Amino acid sequence: MVLMNVIKIGGYIMMFNELAKQVKRLGNSRTRELRKSRTKNLIIGAGIGSAVGVAAGILFAPKSGKETRHIIADRTGETVKNLKENVTATKDKIFASAEEKKKETTK
């Protein structure tokens, strides 16, 4: 009789333990979803704020529209050129690293 009670109590403890694990998993899942949602909203807000800031800066710039467009075009060209150079340099590094790994594996 005592053994049966011990077995029942053990079963109840196992059920409560499993229930507690499920509640914890559900809480963690909700926390993750909430963090993802907040991060997404933050990124969207930062993007919109940046776009509004750029637009306001262009509209209220002390230079004429023609000068401002010329400056924007020049800086955009410089940025594209720098980006191409960085991509090429990174590509070269990756290929060199791959060749080095290839040589190490063939030894």
PDB file of N, CA and C in Angstrom:
ATOM      1  N   MET A   1       0.815  -1.191   0.000  1.00  0.00           N
ATOM      2  CA  MET A   1       0.000   0.000   0.000  1.00  0.00           C
ATOM      3  C   MET A   1       0.868   1.268   0.000  1.00  0.00           C
ATOM      4  N   VAL A   2       1.874   1.303   0.820  1.00  0.00           N
ATOM      5  CA  VAL A   2       2.773   2.440   0.892  1.00  0.00           C
ATOM      6  C   VAL A   2       3.520   2.593  -0.430  1.00  0.00           C
ATOM      7  N   LEU A   3       3.933   1.466  -1.000  1.00  0.00           N
ATOM      8  CA  LEU A   3       4.645   1.498  -2.268  1.00  0.00           C
ATOM      9  C   LEU A   3       3.771   2.077  -3.366  1.00  0.00           C
ATOM     10  N   MET A   4       2.501   1.757  -3.402  1.00  0.00           N
ATOM     11  CA  MET A   4       1.569   2.289  -4.397  1.00  0.00           C
ATOM     12  C   MET A   4       1.432   3.801  -4.241  1.00  0.00           C
ATOM     13  N   ASN A   5       1.374   4.280  -3.003  1.00  0.00           N
ATOM     14  CA  ASN A   5       1.278   5.725  -2.759  1.00  0.00           C
ATOM     15  C   ASN A   5       2.546   6.441  -3.228  1.00  0.00           C
ATOM     16  N   VAL A   6       3.688   5.822  -2.972  1.00  0.00           N
ATOM     17  CA  VAL A   6       4.956   6.400  -3.406  1.00  0.00           C
ATOM     18  C   VAL A   6       5.002   6.472  -4.934  1.00  0.00           C
ATOM     19  N   ILE A   7       4.529   5.435  -5.591  1.00  0.00           N
ATOM     20  CA  ILE A   7       4.503   5.410  -7.051  1.00  0.00           C
ATOM     21  C   ILE A   7       3.572   6.491  -7.590  1.00  0.00           C
ATOM     22  N   LYS A   8       2.393   6.642  -6.960  1.00  0.00           N
ATOM     23  CA  LYS A   8       1.442   7.671  -7.390  1.00  0.00           C
ATOM     24  C   LYS A   8       2.046   9.063  -7.215  1.00  0.00           C
ATOM     25  N   ILE A   9       2.664   9.283  -6.060  1.00  0.00           N
ATOM     26  CA  ILE A   9       3.271  10.586  -5.791  1.00  0.00           C
ATOM     27  C   ILE A   9       4.389  10.860  -6.803  1.00  0.00           C
ATOM     28  N   GLY A  10       5.191   9.855  -7.096  1.00  0.00           N
ATOM     29  CA  GLY A  10       6.252  10.000  -8.093  1.00  0.00           C
ATOM     30  C   GLY A  10       5.682  10.353  -9.454  1.00  0.00           C
ATOM     31  N   GLY A  11       4.565   9.720  -9.812  1.00  0.00           N
ATOM     32  CA  GLY A  11       3.902  10.018 -11.083  1.00  0.00           C
ATOM     33  C   GLY A  11       3.412  11.447 -11.130  1.00  0.00           C
ATOM     34  N   TYR A  12       2.812  11.900 -10.022  1.00  0.00           N
ATOM     35  CA  TYR A  12       2.329  13.280  -9.957  1.00  0.00           C
ATOM     36  C   TYR A  12       3.495  14.275 -10.061  1.00  0.00           C
ATOM     37  N   ILE A  13       4.590  13.962  -9.396  1.00  0.00           N
ATOM     38  CA  ILE A  13       5.762  14.836  -9.450  1.00  0.00           C
ATOM     39  C   ILE A  13       6.285  14.928 -10.876  1.00  0.00           C
ATOM     40  N   MET A  14       6.322  13.803 -11.580  1.00  0.00           N
ATOM     41  CA  MET A  14       6.792  13.798 -12.960  1.00  0.00           C
ATOM     42  C   MET A  14       5.865  14.637 -13.847  1.00  0.00           C
ATOM     43  N   MET A  15       4.536  14.520 -13.627  1.00  0.00           N
ATOM     44  CA  MET A  15       3.583  15.296 -14.416  1.00  0.00           C
ATOM     45  C   MET A  15       3.757  16.799 -14.150  1.00  0.00           C
ATOM     46  N   PHE A  16       3.902  17.171 -12.867  1.00  0.00           N
ATOM     47  CA  PHE A  16       4.095  18.575 -12.532  1.00  0.00           C
ATOM     48  C   PHE A  16       5.413  19.099 -13.099  1.00  0.00           C
ATOM     49  N   ASN A  17       6.444  18.294 -13.076  1.00  0.00           N
ATOM     50  CA  ASN A  17       7.743  18.682 -13.626  1.00  0.00           C
ATOM     51  C   ASN A  17       7.622  18.928 -15.134  1.00  0.00           C
ATOM     52  N   GLU A  18       6.944  18.037 -15.828  1.00  0.00           N
ATOM     53  CA  GLU A  18       6.745  18.189 -17.269  1.00  0.00           C
ATOM     54  C   GLU A  18       5.908  19.436 -17.557  1.00  0.00           C
ATOM     55  N   LEU A  19       4.875  19.649 -16.758  1.00  0.00           N
ATOM     56  CA  LEU A  19       4.030  20.837 -16.917  1.00  0.00           C
ATOM     57  C   LEU A  19       4.857  22.104 -16.709  1.00  0.00           C
ATOM     58  N   ALA A  20       5.712  22.114 -15.711  1.00  0.00           N
ATOM     59  CA  ALA A  20       6.571  23.277 -15.442  1.00  0.00           C
ATOM     60  C   ALA A  20       7.518  23.523 -16.618  1.00  0.00           C
ATOM     61  N   LYS A  21       8.063  22.455 -17.210  1.00  0.00           N
ATOM     62  CA  LYS A  21       8.939  22.606 -18.365  1.00  0.00           C
ATOM     63  C   LYS A  21       8.197  23.225 -19.547  1.00  0.00           C
ATOM     64  N   GLN A  22       6.958  22.776 -19.766  1.00  0.00           N
ATOM     65  CA  GLN A  22       6.170  23.303 -20.878  1.00  0.00           C
ATOM     66  C   GLN A  22       5.842  24.779 -20.669  1.00  0.00           C
ATOM     67  N   VAL A  23       5.510  25.148 -19.433  1.00  0.00           N
ATOM     68  CA  VAL A  23       5.221  26.547 -19.137  1.00  0.00           C
ATOM     69  C   VAL A  23       6.466  27.395 -19.368  1.00  0.00           C
ATOM     70  N   LYS A  24       7.637  26.904 -18.965  1.00  0.00           N
ATOM     71  CA  LYS A  24       8.893  27.625 -19.154  1.00  0.00           C
ATOM     72  C   LYS A  24       9.189  27.798 -20.640  1.00  0.00           C
ATOM     73  N   ARG A  25       8.996  26.712 -21.439  1.00  0.00           N
ATOM     74  CA  ARG A  25       9.220  26.799 -22.884  1.00  0.00           C
ATOM     75  C   ARG A  25       8.293  27.821 -23.527  1.00  0.00           C
ATOM     76  N   LEU A  26       7.033  27.825 -23.093  1.00  0.00           N
ATOM     77  CA  LEU A  26       6.060  28.768 -23.638  1.00  0.00           C
ATOM     78  C   LEU A  26       6.470  30.194 -23.299  1.00  0.00           C
ATOM     79  N   GLY A  27       6.916  30.424 -22.081  1.00  0.00           N
ATOM     80  CA  GLY A  27       7.384  31.755 -21.682  1.00  0.00           C
ATOM     81  C   GLY A  27       8.589  32.189 -22.486  1.00  0.00           C
ATOM     82  N   ASN A  28       9.531  31.283 -22.692  1.00  0.00           N
ATOM     83  CA  ASN A  28      10.723  31.600 -23.484  1.00  0.00           C
ATOM     84  C   ASN A  28      10.348  31.924 -24.925  1.00  0.00           C
ATOM     85  N   SER A  29       9.388  31.169 -25.461  1.00  0.00           N
ATOM     86  CA  SER A  29       8.944  31.390 -26.840  1.00  0.00           C
ATOM     87  C   SER A  29       8.309  32.774 -26.973  1.00  0.00           C
ATOM     88  N   ARG A  30       7.483  33.134 -26.022  1.00  0.00           N
ATOM     89  CA  ARG A  30       6.844  34.460 -26.063  1.00  0.00           C
ATOM     90  C   ARG A  30       7.878  35.567 -25.928  1.00  0.00           C
ATOM     91  N   THR A  31       8.856  35.351 -25.069  1.00  0.00           N
ATOM     92  CA  THR A  31       9.914  36.350 -24.884  1.00  0.00           C
ATOM     93  C   THR A  31      10.692  36.543 -26.174  1.00  0.00           C
ATOM     94  N   ARG A  32      11.039  35.443 -26.850  1.00  0.00           N
ATOM     95  CA  ARG A  32      11.765  35.535 -28.105  1.00  0.00           C
ATOM     96  C   ARG A  32      10.960  36.282 -29.163  1.00  0.00           C
ATOM     97  N   GLU A  33       9.673  35.958 -29.268  1.00  0.00           N
ATOM     98  CA  GLU A  33       8.819  36.615 -30.253  1.00  0.00           C
ATOM     99  C   GLU A  33       8.702  38.106 -29.960  1.00  0.00           C
ATOM    100  N   LEU A  34       8.600  38.449 -28.683  1.00  0.00           N
ATOM    101  CA  LEU A  34       8.505  39.851 -28.295  1.00  0.00           C
ATOM    102  C   LEU A  34       9.792  40.587 -28.646  1.00  0.00           C
ATOM    103  N   ARG A  35      10.935  39.962 -28.394  1.00  0.00           N
ATOM    104  CA  ARG A  35      12.217  40.585 -28.732  1.00  0.00           C
ATOM    105  C   ARG A  35      12.354  40.776 -30.230  1.00  0.00           C
ATOM    106  N   LYS A  36      11.942  39.760 -31.008  1.00  0.00           N
ATOM    107  CA  LYS A  36      12.007  39.880 -32.469  1.00  0.00           C
ATOM    108  C   LYS A  36      11.141  41.036 -32.949  1.00  0.00           C
ATOM    109  N   SER A  37       9.943  41.138 -32.387  1.00  0.00           N
ATOM    110  CA  SER A  37       9.021  42.194 -32.779  1.00  0.00           C
ATOM    111  C   SER A  37       9.593  43.561 -32.437  1.00  0.00           C
ATOM    112  N   ARG A  38      10.157  43.708 -31.243  1.00  0.00           N
ATOM    113  CA  ARG A  38      10.741  44.987 -30.846  1.00  0.00           C
ATOM    114  C   ARG A  38      11.928  45.354 -31.729  1.00  0.00           C
ATOM    115  N   THR A  39      12.768  44.368 -32.036  1.00  0.00           N
ATOM    116  CA  THR A  39      13.927  44.620 -32.888  1.00  0.00           C
ATOM    117  C   THR A  39      13.481  45.052 -34.280  1.00  0.00           C
ATOM    118  N   LYS A  40      12.488  44.357 -34.812  1.00  0.00           N
ATOM    119  CA  LYS A  40      11.968  44.694 -36.136  1.00  0.00           C
ATOM    120  C   LYS A  40      11.427  46.120 -36.145  1.00  0.00           C
ATOM    121  N   ASN A  41      10.652  46.472 -35.113  1.00  0.00           N
ATOM    122  CA  ASN A  41      10.093  47.817 -35.037  1.00  0.00           C
ATOM    123  C   ASN A  41      11.188  48.869 -34.892  1.00  0.00           C
ATOM    124  N   LEU A  42      12.233  48.547 -34.137  1.00  0.00           N
ATOM    125  CA  LEU A  42      13.349  49.477 -33.965  1.00  0.00           C
ATOM    126  C   LEU A  42      14.053  49.719 -35.297  1.00  0.00           C
ATOM    127  N   ILE A  43      14.300  48.649 -36.045  1.00  0.00           N
ATOM    128  CA  ILE A  43      14.974  48.776 -37.343  1.00  0.00           C
ATOM    129  C   ILE A  43      14.118  49.589 -38.321  1.00  0.00           C
ATOM    130  N   ILE A  44      12.821  49.309 -38.342  1.00  0.00           N
ATOM    131  CA  ILE A  44      11.924  50.058 -39.229  1.00  0.00           C
ATOM    132  C   ILE A  44      11.914  51.531 -38.832  1.00  0.00           C
ATOM    133  N   GLY A  45      11.825  51.796 -37.541  1.00  0.00           N
ATOM    134  CA  GLY A  45      11.822  53.188 -37.066  1.00  0.00           C
ATOM    135  C   GLY A  45      13.110  53.908 -37.398  1.00  0.00           C
ATOM    136  N   ALA A  46      14.238  53.220 -37.228  1.00  0.00           N
ATOM    137  CA  ALA A  46      15.528  53.833 -37.549  1.00  0.00           C
ATOM    138  C   ALA A  46      15.621  54.135 -39.042  1.00  0.00           C
ATOM    139  N   GLY A  47      15.134  53.227 -39.871  1.00  0.00           N
ATOM    140  CA  GLY A  47      15.149  53.447 -41.318  1.00  0.00           C
ATOM    141  C   GLY A  47      14.287  54.636 -41.726  1.00  0.00           C
ATOM    142  N   ILE A  48      13.095  54.693 -41.157  1.00  0.00           N
ATOM    143  CA  ILE A  48      12.198  55.813 -41.481  1.00  0.00           C
ATOM    144  C   ILE A  48      12.798  57.122 -40.972  1.00  0.00           C
ATOM    145  N   GLY A  49      13.329  57.098 -39.746  1.00  0.00           N
ATOM    146  CA  GLY A  49      13.937  58.301 -39.195  1.00  0.00           C
ATOM    147  C   GLY A  49      15.115  58.778 -40.019  1.00  0.00           C
ATOM    148  N   SER A  50      15.921  57.836 -40.487  1.00  0.00           N
ATOM    149  CA  SER A  50      17.069  58.202 -41.325  1.00  0.00           C
ATOM    150  C   SER A  50      16.606  58.824 -42.634  1.00  0.00           C
ATOM    151  N   ALA A  51      15.601  58.235 -43.251  1.00  0.00           N
ATOM    152  CA  ALA A  51      15.092  58.765 -44.524  1.00  0.00           C
ATOM    153  C   ALA A  51      14.526  60.170 -44.339  1.00  0.00           C
ATOM    154  N   VAL A  52      13.783  60.374 -43.255  1.00  0.00           N
ATOM    155  CA  VAL A  52      13.218  61.702 -42.987  1.00  0.00           C
ATOM    156  C   VAL A  52      14.343  62.700 -42.721  1.00  0.00           C
ATOM    157  N   GLY A  53      15.358  62.276 -41.984  1.00  0.00           N
ATOM    158  CA  GLY A  53      16.488  63.154 -41.705  1.00  0.00           C
ATOM    159  C   GLY A  53      17.238  63.558 -42.957  1.00  0.00           C
ATOM    160  N   VAL A  54      17.459  62.603 -43.827  1.00  0.00           N
ATOM    161  CA  VAL A  54      18.156  62.901 -45.088  1.00  0.00           C
ATOM    162  C   VAL A  54      17.318  63.861 -45.929  1.00  0.00           C
ATOM    163  N   ALA A  55      16.022  63.574 -46.020  1.00  0.00           N
ATOM    164  CA  ALA A  55      15.148  64.441 -46.813  1.00  0.00           C
ATOM    165  C   ALA A  55      15.131  65.859 -46.242  1.00  0.00           C
ATOM    166  N   ALA A  56      15.029  65.986 -44.921  1.00  0.00           N
ATOM    167  CA  ALA A  56      15.017  67.307 -44.296  1.00  0.00           C
ATOM    168  C   ALA A  56      16.356  68.013 -44.515  1.00  0.00           C
ATOM    169  N   GLY A  57      17.438  67.268 -44.413  1.00  0.00           N
ATOM    170  CA  GLY A  57      18.755  67.855 -44.639  1.00  0.00           C
ATOM    171  C   GLY A  57      18.914  68.386 -46.043  1.00  0.00           C
ATOM    172  N   ILE A  58      18.389  67.663 -47.002  1.00  0.00           N
ATOM    173  CA  ILE A  58      18.483  68.107 -48.399  1.00  0.00           C
ATOM    174  C   ILE A  58      17.585  69.326 -48.628  1.00  0.00           C
ATOM    175  N   LEU A  59      16.382  69.280 -48.061  1.00  0.00           N
ATOM    176  CA  LEU A  59      15.446  70.389 -48.281  1.00  0.00           C
ATOM    177  C   LEU A  59      15.909  71.693 -47.627  1.00  0.00           C
ATOM    178  N   PHE A  60      16.521  71.578 -46.464  1.00  0.00           N
ATOM    179  CA  PHE A  60      16.920  72.778 -45.729  1.00  0.00           C
ATOM    180  C   PHE A  60      18.417  73.069 -45.828  1.00  0.00           C
ATOM    181  N   ALA A  61      19.058  72.493 -46.811  1.00  0.00           N
ATOM    182  CA  ALA A  61      20.495  72.716 -46.997  1.00  0.00           C
ATOM    183  C   ALA A  61      20.740  74.171 -47.387  1.00  0.00           C
ATOM    184  N   PRO A  62      21.845  74.729 -46.933  1.00  0.00           N
ATOM    185  CA  PRO A  62      22.121  76.135 -47.250  1.00  0.00           C
ATOM    186  C   PRO A  62      22.571  76.353 -48.695  1.00  0.00           C
ATOM    187  N   LYS A  63      22.842  75.301 -49.409  1.00  0.00           N
ATOM    188  CA  LYS A  63      23.292  75.436 -50.797  1.00  0.00           C
ATOM    189  C   LYS A  63      22.102  75.290 -51.733  1.00  0.00           C
ATOM    190  N   SER A  64      22.309  75.668 -52.977  1.00  0.00           N
ATOM    191  CA  SER A  64      21.240  75.552 -53.966  1.00  0.00           C
ATOM    192  C   SER A  64      21.009  74.090 -54.311  1.00  0.00           C
ATOM    193  N   GLY A  65      19.886  73.823 -54.916  1.00  0.00           N
ATOM    194  CA  GLY A  65      19.539  72.453 -55.289  1.00  0.00           C
ATOM    195  C   GLY A  65      20.529  71.839 -56.252  1.00  0.00           C
ATOM    196  N   LYS A  66      20.994  72.652 -57.198  1.00  0.00           N
ATOM    197  CA  LYS A  66      21.947  72.163 -58.188  1.00  0.00           C
ATOM    198  C   LYS A  66      23.254  71.757 -57.517  1.00  0.00           C
ATOM    199  N   GLU A  67      23.743  72.588 -56.595  1.00  0.00           N
ATOM    200  CA  GLU A  67      24.978  72.264 -55.868  1.00  0.00           C
ATOM    201  C   GLU A  67      24.797  71.020 -55.010  1.00  0.00           C
ATOM    202  N   THR A  68      23.657  70.963 -54.352  1.00  0.00           N
ATOM    203  CA  THR A  68      23.387  69.814 -53.476  1.00  0.00           C
ATOM    204  C   THR A  68      23.337  68.524 -54.278  1.00  0.00           C
ATOM    205  N   ARG A  69      22.653  68.545 -55.430  1.00  0.00           N
ATOM    206  CA  ARG A  69      22.582  67.352 -56.276  1.00  0.00           C
ATOM    207  C   ARG A  69      23.971  66.954 -56.763  1.00  0.00           C
ATOM    208  N   HIS A  70      24.796  67.936 -57.096  1.00  0.00           N
ATOM    209  CA  HIS A  70      26.165  67.667 -57.550  1.00  0.00           C
ATOM    210  C   HIS A  70      26.968  67.005 -56.427  1.00  0.00           C
ATOM    211  N   ILE A  71      26.847  67.533 -55.218  1.00  0.00           N
ATOM    212  CA  ILE A  71      27.556  66.955 -54.063  1.00  0.00           C
ATOM    213  C   ILE A  71      27.085  65.529 -53.809  1.00  0.00           C
ATOM    214  N   ILE A  72      25.765  65.318 -53.869  1.00  0.00           N
ATOM    215  CA  ILE A  72      25.212  63.970 -53.645  1.00  0.00           C
ATOM    216  C   ILE A  72      25.736  63.008 -54.704  1.00  0.00           C
ATOM    217  N   ALA A  73      25.745  63.445 -55.965  1.00  0.00           N
ATOM    218  CA  ALA A  73      26.227  62.581 -57.048  1.00  0.00           C
ATOM    219  C   ALA A  73      27.703  62.237 -56.847  1.00  0.00           C
ATOM    220  N   ASP A  74      28.508  63.225 -56.477  1.00  0.00           N
ATOM    221  CA  ASP A  74      29.938  62.975 -56.248  1.00  0.00           C
ATOM    222  C   ASP A  74      30.151  61.989 -55.106  1.00  0.00           C
ATOM    223  N   ARG A  75      29.471  62.224 -54.004  1.00  0.00           N
ATOM    224  CA  ARG A  75      29.643  61.342 -52.839  1.00  0.00           C
ATOM    225  C   ARG A  75      29.121  59.938 -53.111  1.00  0.00           C
ATOM    226  N   THR A  76      28.034  59.851 -53.873  1.00  0.00           N
ATOM    227  CA  THR A  76      27.513  58.533 -54.233  1.00  0.00           C
ATOM    228  C   THR A  76      28.520  57.791 -55.097  1.00  0.00           C
ATOM    229  N   GLY A  77      29.111  58.505 -56.056  1.00  0.00           N
ATOM    230  CA  GLY A  77      30.144  57.900 -56.908  1.00  0.00           C
ATOM    231  C   GLY A  77      31.330  57.423 -56.095  1.00  0.00           C
ATOM    232  N   GLU A  78      31.771  58.246 -55.128  1.00  0.00           N
ATOM    233  CA  GLU A  78      32.889  57.854 -54.268  1.00  0.00           C
ATOM    234  C   GLU A  78      32.534  56.621 -53.438  1.00  0.00           C
ATOM    235  N   THR A  79      31.319  56.612 -52.917  1.00  0.00           N
ATOM    236  CA  THR A  79      30.881  55.476 -52.097  1.00  0.00           C
ATOM    237  C   THR A  79      30.839  54.199 -52.917  1.00  0.00           C
ATOM    238  N   VAL A  80      30.311  54.280 -54.127  1.00  0.00           N
ATOM    239  CA  VAL A  80      30.243  53.098 -54.995  1.00  0.00           C
ATOM    240  C   VAL A  80      31.654  52.617 -55.331  1.00  0.00           C
ATOM    241  N   LYS A  81      32.550  53.557 -55.628  1.00  0.00           N
ATOM    242  CA  LYS A  81      33.936  53.199 -55.938  1.00  0.00           C
ATOM    243  C   LYS A  81      34.593  52.501 -54.747  1.00  0.00           C
ATOM    244  N   ASN A  82      34.423  53.068 -53.537  1.00  0.00           N
ATOM    245  CA  ASN A  82      34.991  52.448 -52.330  1.00  0.00           C
ATOM    246  C   ASN A  82      34.382  51.071 -52.071  1.00  0.00           C
ATOM    247  N   LEU A  83      33.095  50.954 -52.303  1.00  0.00           N
ATOM    248  CA  LEU A  83      32.432  49.670 -52.097  1.00  0.00           C
ATOM    249  C   LEU A  83      32.978  48.624 -53.059  1.00  0.00           C
ATOM    250  N   LYS A  84      33.159  49.003 -54.322  1.00  0.00           N
ATOM    251  CA  LYS A  84      33.713  48.065 -55.302  1.00  0.00           C
ATOM    252  C   LYS A  84      35.120  47.632 -54.918  1.00  0.00           C
ATOM    253  N   GLU A  85      35.930  48.599 -54.465  1.00  0.00           N
ATOM    254  CA  GLU A  85      37.290  48.272 -54.036  1.00  0.00           C
ATOM    255  C   GLU A  85      37.281  47.321 -52.844  1.00  0.00           C
ATOM    256  N   ASN A  86      36.403  47.586 -51.882  1.00  0.00           N
ATOM    257  CA  ASN A  86      36.317  46.720 -50.701  1.00  0.00           C
ATOM    258  C   ASN A  86      35.847  45.318 -51.063  1.00  0.00           C
ATOM    259  N   VAL A  87      34.881  45.230 -51.973  1.00  0.00           N
ATOM    260  CA  VAL A  87      34.385  43.918 -52.399  1.00  0.00           C
ATOM    261  C   VAL A  87      35.490  43.152 -53.119  1.00  0.00           C
ATOM    262  N   THR A  88      36.224  43.841 -53.978  1.00  0.00           N
ATOM    263  CA  THR A  88      37.320  43.194 -54.699  1.00  0.00           C
ATOM    264  C   THR A  88      38.397  42.720 -53.739  1.00  0.00           C
ATOM    265  N   ALA A  89      38.769  43.562 -52.778  1.00  0.00           N
ATOM    266  CA  ALA A  89      39.790  43.181 -51.800  1.00  0.00           C
ATOM    267  C   ALA A  89      39.333  41.991 -50.963  1.00  0.00           C
ATOM    268  N   THR A  90      38.067  42.011 -50.556  1.00  0.00           N
ATOM    269  CA  THR A  90      37.531  40.899 -49.764  1.00  0.00           C
ATOM    270  C   THR A  90      37.499  39.621 -50.585  1.00  0.00           C
ATOM    271  N   LYS A  91      37.110  39.735 -51.856  1.00  0.00           N
ATOM    272  CA  LYS A  91      37.065  38.572 -52.741  1.00  0.00           C
ATOM    273  C   LYS A  91      38.461  37.980 -52.901  1.00  0.00           C
ATOM    274  N   ASP A  92      39.447  38.849 -53.090  1.00  0.00           N
ATOM    275  CA  ASP A  92      40.833  38.384 -53.231  1.00  0.00           C
ATOM    276  C   ASP A  92      41.311  37.670 -51.968  1.00  0.00           C
ATOM    277  N   LYS A  93      40.972  38.213 -50.818  1.00  0.00           N
ATOM    278  CA  LYS A  93      41.355  37.575 -49.548  1.00  0.00           C
ATOM    279  C   LYS A  93      40.703  36.207 -49.405  1.00  0.00           C
ATOM    280  N   ILE A  94      39.433  36.114 -49.784  1.00  0.00           N
ATOM    281  CA  ILE A  94      38.711  34.837 -49.681  1.00  0.00           C
ATOM    282  C   ILE A  94      39.338  33.803 -50.605  1.00  0.00           C
ATOM    283  N   PHE A  95      39.640  34.205 -51.855  1.00  0.00           N
ATOM    284  CA  PHE A  95      40.257  33.270 -52.800  1.00  0.00           C
ATOM    285  C   PHE A  95      41.638  32.840 -52.322  1.00  0.00           C
ATOM    286  N   ALA A  96      42.417  33.772 -51.782  1.00  0.00           N
ATOM    287  CA  ALA A  96      43.748  33.438 -51.270  1.00  0.00           C
ATOM    288  C   ALA A  96      43.638  32.466 -50.092  1.00  0.00           C
ATOM    289  N   SER A  97      42.686  32.721 -49.220  1.00  0.00           N
ATOM    290  CA  SER A  97      42.483  31.834 -48.069  1.00  0.00           C
ATOM    291  C   SER A  97      42.040  30.444 -48.530  1.00  0.00           C
ATOM    292  N   ALA A  98      41.156  30.402 -49.533  1.00  0.00           N
ATOM    293  CA  ALA A  98      40.691  29.126 -50.060  1.00  0.00           C
ATOM    294  C   ALA A  98      41.839  28.348 -50.692  1.00  0.00           C
ATOM    295  N   GLU A  99      42.681  29.048 -51.453  1.00  0.00           N
ATOM    296  CA  GLU A  99      43.838  28.392 -52.074  1.00  0.00           C
ATOM    297  C   GLU A  99      44.790  27.853 -51.006  1.00  0.00           C
ATOM    298  N   GLU A 100      44.987  28.639 -49.949  1.00  0.00           N
ATOM    299  CA  GLU A 100      45.869  28.214 -48.865  1.00  0.00           C
ATOM    300  C   GLU A 100      45.310  26.966 -48.173  1.00  0.00           C
ATOM    301  N   LYS A 101      44.009  26.966 -47.923  1.00  0.00           N
ATOM    302  CA  LYS A 101      43.378  25.793 -47.297  1.00  0.00           C
ATOM    303  C   LYS A 101      43.473  24.581 -48.213  1.00  0.00           C
ATOM    304  N   LYS A 102      43.317  24.810 -49.511  1.00  0.00           N
ATOM    305  CA  LYS A 102      43.404  23.737 -50.488  1.00  0.00           C
ATOM    306  C   LYS A 102      44.797  23.108 -50.479  1.00  0.00           C
ATOM    307  N   LYS A 103      45.827  23.971 -50.419  1.00  0.00           N
ATOM    308  CA  LYS A 103      47.201  23.475 -50.377  1.00  0.00           C
ATOM    309  C   LYS A 103      47.470  22.708 -49.096  1.00  0.00           C
ATOM    310  N   GLU A 104      46.912  23.199 -47.979  1.00  0.00           N
ATOM    311  CA  GLU A 104      47.117  22.509 -46.689  1.00  0.00           C
ATOM    312  C   GLU A 104      46.461  21.131 -46.692  1.00  0.00           C
ATOM    313  N   THR A 105      45.299  21.010 -47.314  1.00  0.00           N
ATOM    314  CA  THR A 105      44.593  19.730 -47.312  1.00  0.00           C
ATOM    315  C   THR A 105      45.232  18.727 -48.272  1.00  0.00           C
ATOM    316  N   THR A 106      45.910  19.209 -49.319  1.00  0.00           N
ATOM    317  CA  THR A 106      46.505  18.303 -50.280  1.00  0.00           C
ATOM    318  C   THR A 106      47.874  17.803 -49.818  1.00  0.00           C
ATOM    319  N   LYS A 107      48.442  18.406 -48.769  1.00  0.00           N
ATOM    320  CA  LYS A 107      49.751  17.989 -48.272  1.00  0.00           C
ATOM    321  C   LYS A 107      49.684  16.678 -47.560  1.00  0.00           C
TER     322      LYS A 107
END
